[in-house]
Each structure stands twice: as structure tokens, then as C-alpha cells.
């Protein structure tokens, strides 16, 4: 049984990371962003506009850069990989989810 003392000692670690996503052209990007935001563990999703990524779009695919904050329960790398798997399976129109591990940054422990 979990005791109140144990719950109070648990901290919540928040990390941020950038992720490159590849989506099907013609899909509603706002809906895709909202679906990504709804993945368990993600707190904030911010879309970064990039002329470079816009220039790489084809008639079949489009690209976006997301800045995300998420809650870490194990290690930051394990949790972002879990988020990646869940997002790719559950978000319609999302083809690829590529976390940029070099941008991983701890935002705080609460």
C-alpha cells in the first residue's frame, strides 16, 4: 500500500526536447499537434515555424518542429522513446516522430 509519506517524497521531473515530425500532406496539422499533446506524459507542445522545413515538404509529406515539455518517470531517454512509440501508433496522419536528443534539457524537479 502506498503511504502519503512516500507520495510526498516523489518528485516530478520535467524535461524539454525538440522533435521533428513528418506528417501526411493535406492532413489537419492542428489536429495532429493536439493529438501529440494528448499523449500521456506530455505537458506542453509548441510549434516552431521553419522556412527550411517548409521548403522540404513534398506533395505527399510535410515536416514540423515541435518543442515539448514532458514528465519523466524513469529516464528521459526511455520516456521520450515511449512517447514516440505511442504517438506513431495513435496519431492519425503522423508518419514519423524523431526526437532530437541533443536538445534534451532538464527544466525542473517539483
N, C-alpha and C. Protein backbone atom coordinates (compact mmCIF):
# COMPACT_ATOMS: atom_id res chain seq x y z
N UNK A 1 0.84 -1.18 0.00
CA UNK A 1 0.00 0.00 0.00
C UNK A 1 0.88 1.24 0.00
N UNK A 2 0.51 2.23 -0.78
CA UNK A 2 1.27 3.47 -0.86
C UNK A 2 0.90 4.35 0.32
N UNK A 3 1.93 4.88 0.95
CA UNK A 3 1.72 5.76 2.08
C UNK A 3 1.86 7.21 1.63
N UNK A 4 1.19 8.10 2.32
CA UNK A 4 1.23 9.52 2.00
C UNK A 4 2.67 10.04 2.04
N UNK A 5 3.47 9.55 2.96
CA UNK A 5 4.86 9.98 3.10
C UNK A 5 5.64 9.67 1.82
N UNK A 6 5.41 8.48 1.24
CA UNK A 6 6.10 8.09 0.01
C UNK A 6 5.68 8.97 -1.16
N UNK A 7 4.42 9.31 -1.22
CA UNK A 7 3.92 10.16 -2.30
C UNK A 7 4.55 11.55 -2.20
N UNK A 8 4.64 12.08 -1.00
CA UNK A 8 5.22 13.41 -0.82
C UNK A 8 6.70 13.46 -1.16
N UNK A 9 7.40 12.33 -1.03
CA UNK A 9 8.82 12.30 -1.35
C UNK A 9 9.08 12.16 -2.85
N UNK A 10 8.08 11.70 -3.58
CA UNK A 10 8.26 11.56 -5.01
C UNK A 10 8.30 12.93 -5.66
N UNK A 11 9.27 13.10 -6.54
CA UNK A 11 9.37 14.36 -7.28
C UNK A 11 8.93 14.16 -8.70
N UNK A 12 8.52 15.23 -9.32
CA UNK A 12 8.16 15.20 -10.72
C UNK A 12 9.27 15.91 -11.48
N UNK A 13 9.93 15.19 -12.37
CA UNK A 13 10.98 15.77 -13.19
C UNK A 13 10.40 16.14 -14.54
N UNK A 14 10.66 17.38 -14.95
CA UNK A 14 10.16 17.87 -16.23
C UNK A 14 11.37 18.14 -17.14
N UNK A 15 11.28 17.61 -18.35
CA UNK A 15 12.32 17.80 -19.36
C UNK A 15 11.71 18.44 -20.59
N UNK A 16 12.58 19.08 -21.39
CA UNK A 16 12.13 19.60 -22.68
C UNK A 16 12.99 18.97 -23.77
N UNK A 17 12.41 18.89 -24.95
CA UNK A 17 13.11 18.32 -26.10
C UNK A 17 12.45 18.84 -27.37
N UNK A 18 13.20 18.86 -28.45
CA UNK A 18 12.65 19.17 -29.75
C UNK A 18 12.43 17.86 -30.49
N UNK A 19 11.37 17.82 -31.29
CA UNK A 19 11.09 16.64 -32.09
C UNK A 19 10.69 17.07 -33.49
N UNK A 20 11.25 16.40 -34.46
CA UNK A 20 10.89 16.61 -35.86
C UNK A 20 9.79 15.62 -36.19
N UNK A 21 8.70 16.11 -36.76
CA UNK A 21 7.64 15.19 -37.14
C UNK A 21 7.39 15.27 -38.64
N UNK A 22 7.06 14.13 -39.20
CA UNK A 22 6.72 14.01 -40.62
C UNK A 22 5.25 13.63 -40.68
N UNK A 23 4.47 14.43 -41.41
CA UNK A 23 3.03 14.20 -41.48
C UNK A 23 2.59 14.03 -42.93
N UNK A 24 1.45 13.43 -43.10
CA UNK A 24 0.86 13.27 -44.42
C UNK A 24 0.37 14.64 -44.89
N UNK A 25 0.74 15.02 -46.10
CA UNK A 25 0.31 16.31 -46.64
C UNK A 25 -1.21 16.32 -46.76
N UNK A 26 -1.79 17.45 -46.47
CA UNK A 26 -3.24 17.58 -46.57
C UNK A 26 -3.98 17.26 -45.29
N UNK A 27 -3.32 16.62 -44.34
CA UNK A 27 -3.95 16.36 -43.04
C UNK A 27 -3.99 17.66 -42.24
N UNK A 28 -4.92 17.77 -41.31
CA UNK A 28 -5.06 18.93 -40.46
C UNK A 28 -3.92 18.92 -39.43
N UNK A 29 -2.96 19.82 -39.61
CA UNK A 29 -1.79 19.84 -38.71
C UNK A 29 -2.16 20.19 -37.28
N UNK A 30 -3.10 21.09 -37.11
CA UNK A 30 -3.52 21.48 -35.76
C UNK A 30 -4.06 20.26 -35.02
N UNK A 31 -4.83 19.44 -35.70
CA UNK A 31 -5.37 18.23 -35.08
C UNK A 31 -4.24 17.26 -34.73
N UNK A 32 -3.25 17.15 -35.59
CA UNK A 32 -2.10 16.28 -35.30
C UNK A 32 -1.35 16.79 -34.08
N UNK A 33 -1.12 18.11 -34.00
CA UNK A 33 -0.44 18.69 -32.84
C UNK A 33 -1.24 18.43 -31.56
N UNK A 34 -2.55 18.58 -31.64
CA UNK A 34 -3.40 18.33 -30.47
C UNK A 34 -3.35 16.87 -30.05
N UNK A 35 -3.32 15.97 -31.02
CA UNK A 35 -3.23 14.54 -30.70
C UNK A 35 -1.89 14.21 -30.05
N UNK A 36 -0.81 14.83 -30.52
CA UNK A 36 0.51 14.63 -29.90
C UNK A 36 0.47 15.18 -28.48
N UNK A 37 -0.12 16.35 -28.31
CA UNK A 37 -0.23 16.97 -26.97
C UNK A 37 -1.01 16.07 -26.02
N UNK A 38 -1.92 15.26 -26.53
CA UNK A 38 -2.75 14.40 -25.70
C UNK A 38 -2.05 13.12 -25.26
N UNK A 39 -0.86 12.84 -25.79
CA UNK A 39 -0.13 11.64 -25.39
C UNK A 39 0.26 11.76 -23.92
N UNK A 40 0.06 10.68 -23.19
CA UNK A 40 0.34 10.66 -21.75
C UNK A 40 1.79 11.06 -21.46
N UNK A 41 1.96 11.99 -20.55
CA UNK A 41 3.29 12.43 -20.14
C UNK A 41 3.68 13.78 -20.73
N UNK A 42 3.10 14.15 -21.85
CA UNK A 42 3.42 15.44 -22.47
C UNK A 42 2.63 16.54 -21.79
N UNK A 43 3.32 17.63 -21.48
CA UNK A 43 2.69 18.76 -20.80
C UNK A 43 2.40 19.88 -21.79
N UNK A 44 3.42 20.27 -22.56
CA UNK A 44 3.32 21.41 -23.47
C UNK A 44 3.88 21.03 -24.83
N UNK A 45 3.21 21.46 -25.90
CA UNK A 45 3.73 21.32 -27.26
C UNK A 45 3.67 22.70 -27.91
N UNK A 46 4.82 23.15 -28.39
CA UNK A 46 4.91 24.42 -29.10
C UNK A 46 5.44 24.14 -30.49
N UNK A 47 4.79 24.70 -31.49
CA UNK A 47 5.21 24.50 -32.88
C UNK A 47 6.16 25.63 -33.26
N UNK A 48 7.34 25.26 -33.75
CA UNK A 48 8.34 26.23 -34.20
C UNK A 48 8.26 26.34 -35.71
N UNK A 49 8.03 27.55 -36.21
CA UNK A 49 7.97 27.74 -37.66
C UNK A 49 9.38 27.68 -38.24
N UNK A 50 9.53 26.97 -39.36
CA UNK A 50 10.83 26.83 -40.00
C UNK A 50 10.65 26.90 -41.52
N UNK A 51 11.25 27.92 -42.12
CA UNK A 51 11.20 28.04 -43.58
C UNK A 51 11.94 26.87 -44.23
N UNK A 52 13.01 26.41 -43.57
CA UNK A 52 13.77 25.28 -44.10
C UNK A 52 12.89 24.03 -44.20
N UNK A 53 12.16 23.73 -43.13
CA UNK A 53 11.29 22.55 -43.14
C UNK A 53 10.15 22.72 -44.14
N UNK A 54 9.64 23.94 -44.27
CA UNK A 54 8.59 24.20 -45.26
C UNK A 54 9.10 23.93 -46.67
N UNK A 55 10.37 24.25 -46.91
CA UNK A 55 10.94 24.03 -48.24
C UNK A 55 11.16 22.55 -48.54
N UNK A 56 11.23 21.72 -47.53
CA UNK A 56 11.45 20.28 -47.71
C UNK A 56 10.15 19.50 -47.92
N UNK A 57 9.02 20.16 -47.79
CA UNK A 57 7.72 19.50 -47.97
C UNK A 57 7.58 19.01 -49.41
N UNK A 58 6.95 17.86 -49.56
CA UNK A 58 6.66 17.31 -50.89
C UNK A 58 5.15 17.27 -51.06
N UNK A 59 4.70 16.74 -52.18
CA UNK A 59 3.25 16.64 -52.36
C UNK A 59 2.65 15.56 -51.45
N UNK A 60 3.49 14.68 -50.90
CA UNK A 60 3.00 13.60 -50.03
C UNK A 60 3.21 13.86 -48.55
N UNK A 61 4.28 14.60 -48.19
CA UNK A 61 4.64 14.76 -46.78
C UNK A 61 5.02 16.20 -46.45
N UNK A 62 4.77 16.56 -45.17
CA UNK A 62 5.16 17.86 -44.64
C UNK A 62 5.91 17.62 -43.33
N UNK A 63 6.72 18.59 -42.94
CA UNK A 63 7.55 18.46 -41.74
C UNK A 63 7.29 19.62 -40.79
N UNK A 64 7.40 19.34 -39.50
CA UNK A 64 7.25 20.37 -38.47
C UNK A 64 8.23 20.10 -37.34
N UNK A 65 8.62 21.17 -36.66
CA UNK A 65 9.47 21.04 -35.49
C UNK A 65 8.65 21.40 -34.26
N UNK A 66 8.61 20.48 -33.30
CA UNK A 66 7.86 20.70 -32.07
C UNK A 66 8.83 20.84 -30.90
N UNK A 67 8.56 21.79 -30.03
CA UNK A 67 9.26 21.88 -28.75
C UNK A 67 8.29 21.37 -27.71
N UNK A 68 8.72 20.39 -26.94
CA UNK A 68 7.83 19.76 -25.97
C UNK A 68 8.42 19.74 -24.58
N UNK A 69 7.55 19.80 -23.60
CA UNK A 69 7.91 19.54 -22.21
C UNK A 69 7.15 18.30 -21.80
N UNK A 70 7.83 17.41 -21.08
CA UNK A 70 7.18 16.18 -20.67
C UNK A 70 7.67 15.73 -19.30
N UNK A 71 6.85 14.91 -18.66
CA UNK A 71 7.15 14.39 -17.33
C UNK A 71 7.95 13.11 -17.47
N UNK A 72 9.01 13.01 -16.67
CA UNK A 72 9.88 11.83 -16.70
C UNK A 72 9.59 10.97 -15.48
N UNK A 73 9.28 9.70 -15.74
CA UNK A 73 9.02 8.76 -14.66
C UNK A 73 10.17 7.79 -14.46
N UNK A 74 10.94 7.52 -15.52
CA UNK A 74 12.11 6.64 -15.41
C UNK A 74 13.35 7.44 -15.82
N UNK A 75 13.81 7.29 -17.05
CA UNK A 75 14.89 8.15 -17.55
C UNK A 75 14.32 8.98 -18.69
N UNK A 76 14.91 10.14 -18.96
CA UNK A 76 14.37 10.99 -20.03
C UNK A 76 14.37 10.29 -21.40
N UNK A 77 15.41 9.52 -21.67
CA UNK A 77 15.52 8.83 -22.95
C UNK A 77 14.45 7.74 -23.09
N UNK A 78 14.25 6.96 -22.03
CA UNK A 78 13.23 5.91 -22.07
C UNK A 78 11.84 6.50 -22.26
N UNK A 79 11.55 7.57 -21.53
CA UNK A 79 10.22 8.16 -21.59
C UNK A 79 9.93 8.80 -22.95
N UNK A 80 10.93 9.48 -23.55
CA UNK A 80 10.67 10.08 -24.86
C UNK A 80 10.52 8.99 -25.91
N UNK A 81 11.20 7.87 -25.75
CA UNK A 81 11.02 6.76 -26.69
C UNK A 81 9.63 6.13 -26.54
N UNK A 82 9.12 6.06 -25.31
CA UNK A 82 7.75 5.58 -25.10
C UNK A 82 6.75 6.52 -25.75
N UNK A 83 6.97 7.82 -25.57
CA UNK A 83 6.10 8.82 -26.18
C UNK A 83 6.14 8.69 -27.70
N UNK A 84 7.33 8.49 -28.24
CA UNK A 84 7.49 8.33 -29.69
C UNK A 84 6.66 7.15 -30.21
N UNK A 85 6.77 6.02 -29.54
CA UNK A 85 6.05 4.81 -29.97
C UNK A 85 4.54 5.03 -29.89
N UNK A 86 4.07 5.60 -28.79
CA UNK A 86 2.64 5.85 -28.62
C UNK A 86 2.14 6.83 -29.69
N UNK A 87 2.89 7.90 -29.92
CA UNK A 87 2.47 8.91 -30.90
C UNK A 87 2.38 8.31 -32.30
N UNK A 88 3.38 7.53 -32.69
CA UNK A 88 3.39 6.97 -34.04
C UNK A 88 2.26 5.96 -34.24
N UNK A 89 1.86 5.29 -33.16
CA UNK A 89 0.76 4.31 -33.28
C UNK A 89 -0.62 4.95 -33.20
N UNK A 90 -0.75 6.03 -32.43
CA UNK A 90 -2.09 6.52 -32.12
C UNK A 90 -2.50 7.82 -32.81
N UNK A 91 -1.57 8.53 -33.43
CA UNK A 91 -1.91 9.81 -34.04
C UNK A 91 -2.11 9.63 -35.55
N UNK A 92 -3.34 9.76 -36.03
CA UNK A 92 -3.59 9.63 -37.46
C UNK A 92 -2.90 10.76 -38.23
N UNK A 93 -2.24 10.41 -39.33
CA UNK A 93 -1.55 11.40 -40.15
C UNK A 93 -0.11 11.61 -39.78
N UNK A 94 0.32 11.08 -38.63
CA UNK A 94 1.72 11.20 -38.20
C UNK A 94 2.49 10.02 -38.77
N UNK A 95 3.51 10.30 -39.58
CA UNK A 95 4.30 9.25 -40.21
C UNK A 95 5.54 8.94 -39.40
N UNK A 96 6.25 9.99 -38.97
CA UNK A 96 7.47 9.81 -38.18
C UNK A 96 7.53 10.82 -37.05
N UNK A 97 8.16 10.40 -35.96
CA UNK A 97 8.36 11.25 -34.78
C UNK A 97 9.82 11.05 -34.41
N UNK A 98 10.64 12.08 -34.63
CA UNK A 98 12.08 11.94 -34.41
C UNK A 98 12.53 12.91 -33.32
N UNK A 99 12.77 12.40 -32.11
CA UNK A 99 13.27 13.28 -31.03
C UNK A 99 14.72 13.70 -31.31
N UNK A 100 15.02 14.96 -31.09
CA UNK A 100 16.39 15.46 -31.25
C UNK A 100 17.05 15.41 -29.88
N UNK A 101 17.74 14.30 -29.60
CA UNK A 101 18.29 14.03 -28.27
C UNK A 101 19.29 15.10 -27.82
N UNK A 102 19.93 15.78 -28.76
CA UNK A 102 20.89 16.83 -28.39
C UNK A 102 20.21 18.02 -27.73
N UNK A 103 18.90 18.13 -27.91
CA UNK A 103 18.16 19.27 -27.34
C UNK A 103 17.52 18.92 -25.99
N UNK A 104 17.75 17.71 -25.51
CA UNK A 104 17.17 17.28 -24.24
C UNK A 104 17.71 18.14 -23.10
N UNK A 105 16.79 18.68 -22.31
CA UNK A 105 17.19 19.59 -21.24
C UNK A 105 16.25 19.45 -20.05
N UNK A 106 16.83 19.36 -18.87
CA UNK A 106 16.00 19.27 -17.66
C UNK A 106 15.49 20.67 -17.33
N UNK A 107 14.18 20.77 -17.15
CA UNK A 107 13.55 22.06 -16.85
C UNK A 107 13.32 22.24 -15.36
N UNK A 108 13.19 21.15 -14.63
CA UNK A 108 12.99 21.30 -13.21
C UNK A 108 12.49 20.04 -12.54
N UNK A 109 12.57 20.05 -11.23
CA UNK A 109 12.03 18.96 -10.41
C UNK A 109 11.08 19.62 -9.42
N UNK A 110 9.89 19.09 -9.35
CA UNK A 110 8.86 19.70 -8.49
C UNK A 110 8.35 18.70 -7.48
